[in-house]
Amino acid sequence: MTPPRLVATDLDGTTVRTDYTVSERTVKAFARVERAGSMLVMVTGRPPRWIHPVADAVGHRGVAICANGALVYDLHTERVIGTHLMTAEALRTAIEVLGEALPGLGFAVEYEDGIRYAHDYELSGWDNKRSEDSIGLTELMSRPAAKLLARHPELDSDALLAEATGLVGDVVLPTHSNGRRLIEMSAPGVSKASTLAELCGRHGIDAADVVAFGDMPNDLPMLMWAGRSYAVANAHPEVLAAVDVTVAGNDDDGVARTIEELFPEA
């Protein structure tokens, strides 16, 4: 099998372990990709502020597509080098429509320069809220954003995604990447796949020359676009049903093992 020209991989739940570490085997596998002359692209829902530990662990190799396609981040320099933001108008419409239709929904907005939370947003373990990060809804929707987050007190992420898609799917692109009653929304047409395709186009790389790894619904556009797609064993049922091949889970180095097969070394 011809080695791919580009390897695109999700992070959390795919290459990052449950304890949020990156295994030494995975680090070595990533290095194989670049030694072979291929591109390594991390494609994640994480914003840039959560990328540093991974960039450090992998020796600052490659490029990261962050916030589900909204931001492109150079891991060598740790700087944002591209943006695909939703307009303030789209942000405002999504918040107003969802807030009216789904009482109790809390909002947070990921901007290019960091996150801000509405006063009533329910925090999770990922969040790092300071008093100056909590603002009113009017201020929250006052400028272009990378990603809109919405958390419901009861609905799980699959149910919440279905509701949001019906309500504001023509204004923003909803998706989700975990099961904590949370959905994420990007500008219309902006996904992991769209920004990855744009990056590949600049480098003359066809979809057929790309392999992609993922585990959650926000990975589906990328997995459908890539020439070869892989899901880790712990993936969401929709992802497992959609991909070409299922590999070992994120805690068992499934991505690293597959890269070793794709890029054999003497």
Protein backbone atom coordinates (compact mmCIF):
# COMPACT_ATOMS: atom_id res chain seq x y z
CA MET A 1 0.00 0.00 0.00
CA THR A 2 1.39 3.41 -0.97
CA PRO A 3 2.01 5.62 2.09
CA PRO A 4 -0.40 8.56 2.26
CA ARG A 5 0.83 12.06 1.54
CA LEU A 6 -1.01 13.43 4.56
CA VAL A 7 -2.16 11.98 7.89
CA ALA A 8 -5.03 13.85 9.58
CA THR A 9 -5.93 12.84 13.09
CA ASP A 10 -8.29 13.97 15.80
CA LEU A 11 -6.81 14.32 19.28
CA ASP A 12 -9.09 13.66 22.26
CA GLY A 13 -10.49 10.16 22.28
CA THR A 14 -8.45 9.27 19.20
CA THR A 15 -4.73 9.81 19.76
CA VAL A 16 -4.86 11.39 23.22
CA ARG A 17 -5.44 8.83 25.95
CA THR A 18 -8.21 8.93 28.53
CA ASP A 19 -5.76 10.42 31.05
CA TYR A 20 -5.00 13.23 28.54
CA THR A 21 -1.48 12.01 27.77
CA VAL A 22 0.11 11.19 24.42
CA SER A 23 1.96 7.86 24.46
CA GLU A 24 5.59 7.56 23.45
CA ARG A 25 4.54 5.14 20.74
CA THR A 26 2.24 7.78 19.27
CA VAL A 27 4.98 10.42 19.36
CA LYS A 28 7.31 8.07 17.50
CA ALA A 29 4.61 7.22 14.97
CA PHE A 30 4.01 10.90 14.25
CA ALA A 31 7.74 11.34 13.65
CA ARG A 32 7.59 8.55 11.05
CA VAL A 33 5.10 10.53 9.01
CA GLU A 34 7.38 13.53 8.68
CA ARG A 35 10.50 11.41 8.10
CA ALA A 36 8.70 9.88 5.13
CA GLY A 37 8.09 13.36 3.70
CA SER A 38 4.35 13.34 4.38
CA MET A 39 2.33 15.96 6.24
CA LEU A 40 0.97 15.49 9.75
CA VAL A 41 -2.16 17.48 10.59
CA MET A 42 -3.92 17.37 13.94
CA VAL A 43 -7.59 18.17 13.38
CA THR A 44 -9.37 18.91 16.62
CA GLY A 45 -12.25 20.61 18.33
CA ARG A 46 -9.75 22.03 20.80
CA PRO A 47 -9.02 25.76 20.61
CA PRO A 48 -5.37 26.84 20.34
CA ARG A 49 -5.20 27.53 24.09
CA TRP A 50 -5.52 23.76 24.67
CA ILE A 51 -2.95 22.75 22.06
CA HIS A 52 0.31 23.59 23.82
CA PRO A 53 0.57 20.36 25.87
CA VAL A 54 0.08 18.25 22.73
CA ALA A 55 2.42 20.42 20.65
CA ASP A 56 5.05 20.04 23.35
CA ALA A 57 4.54 16.27 23.60
CA VAL A 58 4.99 15.73 19.86
CA GLY A 59 8.01 17.98 19.50
CA HIS A 60 6.07 20.81 17.82
CA ARG A 61 5.58 18.80 14.63
CA GLY A 62 2.99 19.60 12.02
CA VAL A 63 -0.03 21.85 11.77
CA ALA A 64 -3.22 21.84 13.80
CA ILE A 65 -6.70 22.63 12.54
CA CYS A 66 -8.46 23.82 15.68
CA ALA A 67 -12.01 24.62 16.82
CA ASN A 68 -13.52 22.22 14.26
CA GLY A 69 -11.98 24.03 11.31
CA ALA A 70 -12.33 27.64 12.44
CA LEU A 71 -8.64 28.18 13.22
CA VAL A 72 -5.38 26.92 11.68
CA TYR A 73 -2.46 26.75 14.08
CA ASP A 74 1.24 26.29 13.34
CA LEU A 75 2.61 23.84 15.91
CA HIS A 76 6.20 24.88 15.20
CA THR A 77 5.60 28.52 16.17
CA GLU A 78 2.34 28.07 18.14
CA ARG A 79 0.63 30.87 16.25
CA VAL A 80 -2.74 31.11 14.52
CA ILE A 81 -2.08 31.29 10.77
CA GLY A 82 -5.63 31.08 9.38
CA THR A 83 -9.21 31.81 10.46
CA HIS A 84 -12.76 30.92 9.38
CA LEU A 85 -14.94 32.83 11.84
CA MET A 86 -18.71 33.07 12.17
CA THR A 87 -20.12 36.58 11.91
CA ALA A 88 -21.48 38.42 14.92
CA GLU A 89 -24.88 38.41 13.19
CA ALA A 90 -24.91 34.60 12.83
CA LEU A 91 -23.74 34.23 16.41
CA ARG A 92 -26.50 36.50 17.66
CA THR A 93 -29.19 34.70 15.65
CA ALA A 94 -28.10 31.27 16.87
CA ILE A 95 -28.04 32.35 20.52
CA GLU A 96 -31.42 34.08 20.34
CA VAL A 97 -33.20 31.24 18.50
CA LEU A 98 -31.73 28.45 20.62
CA GLY A 99 -32.20 30.35 23.86
CA GLU A 100 -35.89 30.88 23.15
CA ALA A 101 -36.53 27.31 21.97
CA LEU A 102 -34.51 25.49 24.63
CA PRO A 103 -34.90 27.11 28.07
CA GLY A 104 -31.99 26.51 30.40
CA LEU A 105 -29.41 26.42 27.62
CA GLY A 106 -26.12 28.04 28.62
CA PHE A 107 -23.72 29.61 26.14
CA ALA A 108 -20.00 30.20 25.80
CA VAL A 109 -18.07 31.60 22.86
CA GLU A 110 -14.58 30.70 21.71
CA TYR A 111 -12.99 33.70 20.03
CA GLU A 112 -9.65 33.77 18.25
CA ASP A 113 -8.10 35.21 21.42
CA GLY A 114 -9.80 33.05 24.05
CA ILE A 115 -13.12 31.99 25.56
CA ARG A 116 -15.89 33.92 27.31
CA TYR A 117 -18.84 32.44 29.21
CA ALA A 118 -22.36 33.69 29.74
CA HIS A 119 -23.08 34.19 33.43
CA ASP A 120 -25.26 31.07 33.67
CA TYR A 121 -23.03 28.71 31.63
CA GLU A 122 -22.50 25.37 33.41
CA LEU A 123 -18.80 24.58 33.62
CA SER A 124 -17.22 21.17 33.06
CA GLY A 125 -13.78 19.81 33.81
CA TRP A 126 -12.38 21.34 30.60
CA ASP A 127 -13.40 24.87 31.51
CA ASN A 128 -11.16 27.31 33.32
CA LYS A 129 -13.44 30.15 34.30
CA ARG A 130 -12.18 33.36 35.84
CA SER A 131 -14.39 36.22 36.95
CA GLU A 132 -13.38 38.36 33.96
CA ASP A 133 -14.38 35.54 31.55
CA SER A 134 -18.06 35.70 32.57
CA ILE A 135 -20.05 38.27 30.59
CA GLY A 136 -23.61 39.05 29.57
CA LEU A 137 -25.26 37.64 26.44
CA THR A 138 -25.23 40.99 24.63
CA GLU A 139 -21.48 41.29 24.97
CA LEU A 140 -21.03 37.57 24.24
CA MET A 141 -22.50 37.91 20.76
CA SER A 142 -20.94 41.25 19.84
CA ARG A 143 -18.04 40.13 17.63
CA PRO A 144 -17.02 37.34 15.21
CA ALA A 145 -16.28 34.00 16.84
CA ALA A 146 -14.51 30.74 16.14
CA LYS A 147 -17.02 28.54 17.93
CA LEU A 148 -20.28 28.79 19.85
CA LEU A 149 -20.79 26.31 22.70
CA ALA A 150 -24.19 25.46 24.16
CA ARG A 151 -24.82 23.20 27.16
CA HIS A 152 -28.25 21.94 28.19
CA PRO A 153 -29.17 20.91 31.75
CA GLU A 154 -30.81 17.65 30.61
CA LEU A 155 -30.57 16.78 26.90
CA ASP A 156 -27.66 14.59 25.89
CA SER A 157 -25.41 15.75 23.08
CA ASP A 158 -27.05 13.63 20.36
CA ALA A 159 -30.53 14.93 21.21
CA LEU A 160 -29.28 18.49 21.57
CA LEU A 161 -27.50 18.29 18.22
CA ALA A 162 -30.68 17.13 16.50
CA GLU A 163 -32.64 20.02 18.02
CA ALA A 164 -30.01 22.61 17.12
CA THR A 165 -29.65 21.37 13.55
CA GLY A 166 -33.37 21.80 12.99
CA LEU A 167 -33.48 25.21 14.62
CA VAL A 168 -30.31 26.95 13.40
CA GLY A 169 -28.71 24.60 10.88
CA ASP A 170 -29.13 27.23 8.18
CA VAL A 171 -27.26 29.84 10.23
CA VAL A 172 -24.42 27.87 11.82
CA LEU A 173 -23.00 24.36 11.53
CA PRO A 174 -23.75 22.38 14.73
CA THR A 175 -21.85 19.27 15.79
CA HIS A 176 -20.58 17.63 18.98
CA SER A 177 -17.49 15.91 20.26
CA ASN A 178 -18.45 14.52 23.66
CA GLY A 179 -21.38 13.26 25.71
CA ARG A 180 -21.72 16.01 28.31
CA ARG A 181 -24.90 17.72 27.11
CA LEU A 182 -22.77 20.02 24.96
CA ILE A 183 -22.80 20.98 21.30
CA GLU A 184 -20.40 23.15 19.28
CA MET A 185 -21.29 25.43 16.38
CA SER A 186 -19.13 26.89 13.61
CA ALA A 187 -19.72 29.22 10.69
CA PRO A 188 -21.83 27.67 7.88
CA GLY A 189 -19.74 25.31 5.79
CA VAL A 190 -16.82 25.35 8.22
CA SER A 191 -15.84 21.91 9.43
CA LYS A 192 -12.78 19.79 9.95
CA ALA A 193 -13.21 18.62 6.38
CA SER A 194 -13.51 22.04 4.75
CA THR A 195 -10.37 23.45 6.32
CA LEU A 196 -8.43 20.22 5.76
CA ALA A 197 -9.45 20.26 2.08
CA GLU A 198 -8.33 23.88 1.80
CA LEU A 199 -4.96 23.03 3.37
CA CYS A 200 -4.52 20.05 1.08
CA GLY A 201 -5.38 22.18 -1.95
CA ARG A 202 -2.58 24.60 -1.11
CA HIS A 203 -0.13 21.70 -1.05
CA GLY A 204 -1.47 19.91 -4.13
CA ILE A 205 -2.70 16.92 -2.14
CA ASP A 206 -5.83 15.06 -3.28
CA ALA A 207 -8.34 13.51 -0.89
CA ALA A 208 -7.30 10.09 -2.20
CA ASP A 209 -3.83 10.69 -0.73
CA VAL A 210 -5.17 11.47 2.76
CA VAL A 211 -5.86 9.12 5.67
CA ALA A 212 -7.93 10.36 8.61
CA PHE A 213 -8.59 9.11 12.14
CA GLY A 214 -11.46 10.10 14.44
CA ASP A 215 -13.95 9.10 17.09
CA MET A 216 -16.87 11.58 17.33
CA PRO A 217 -19.57 13.20 15.14
CA ASN A 218 -17.45 16.32 14.61
CA ASP A 219 -14.95 14.04 12.82
CA LEU A 220 -17.51 12.68 10.34
CA PRO A 221 -17.08 15.32 7.60
CA MET A 222 -13.31 14.77 7.64
CA LEU A 223 -13.65 11.00 7.66
CA MET A 224 -16.07 11.12 4.73
CA TRP A 225 -13.78 13.41 2.74
CA ALA A 226 -10.50 11.53 3.21
CA GLY A 227 -9.47 8.78 0.83
CA ARG A 228 -9.09 6.34 3.72
CA SER A 229 -10.85 6.70 7.07
CA TYR A 230 -10.31 4.97 10.38
CA ALA A 231 -12.26 5.01 13.64
CA VAL A 232 -10.82 3.99 16.97
CA ALA A 233 -12.68 1.20 18.75
CA ASN A 234 -14.05 3.57 21.41
CA ALA A 235 -15.69 5.81 18.77
CA HIS A 236 -19.30 7.04 18.67
CA PRO A 237 -21.64 4.50 16.98
CA GLU A 238 -22.27 6.82 14.02
CA VAL A 239 -18.54 7.07 13.39
CA LEU A 240 -18.00 3.32 13.64
CA ALA A 241 -20.77 2.80 11.09
CA ALA A 242 -19.33 5.32 8.64
CA VAL A 243 -15.63 4.47 8.35
CA ASP A 244 -13.66 2.02 6.23
CA VAL A 245 -11.73 0.42 9.11
CA THR A 246 -11.90 0.25 12.91
CA VAL A 247 -8.60 0.18 14.79
CA ALA A 248 -7.65 -0.29 18.43
CA GLY A 249 -8.85 2.33 20.90
CA ASN A 250 -7.16 5.51 22.00
CA ASP A 251 -5.78 3.87 25.15
CA ASP A 252 -4.30 1.04 23.06
CA ASP A 253 -2.38 3.13 20.52
CA GLY A 254 -4.69 2.27 17.62
CA VAL A 255 -3.62 5.30 15.57
CA ALA A 256 0.08 4.70 16.23
CA ARG A 257 -0.18 1.04 15.23
CA THR A 258 -1.89 1.96 11.98
CA ILE A 259 0.67 4.65 11.15
CA GLU A 260 3.43 2.08 11.70
CA GLU A 261 1.74 -0.14 9.11
CA LEU A 262 1.23 2.74 6.67
CA PHE A 263 4.82 3.95 7.04
CA PRO A 264 6.98 0.83 7.46
CA GLU A 265 10.63 1.41 8.33
CA ALA A 266 13.51 -1.02 7.99
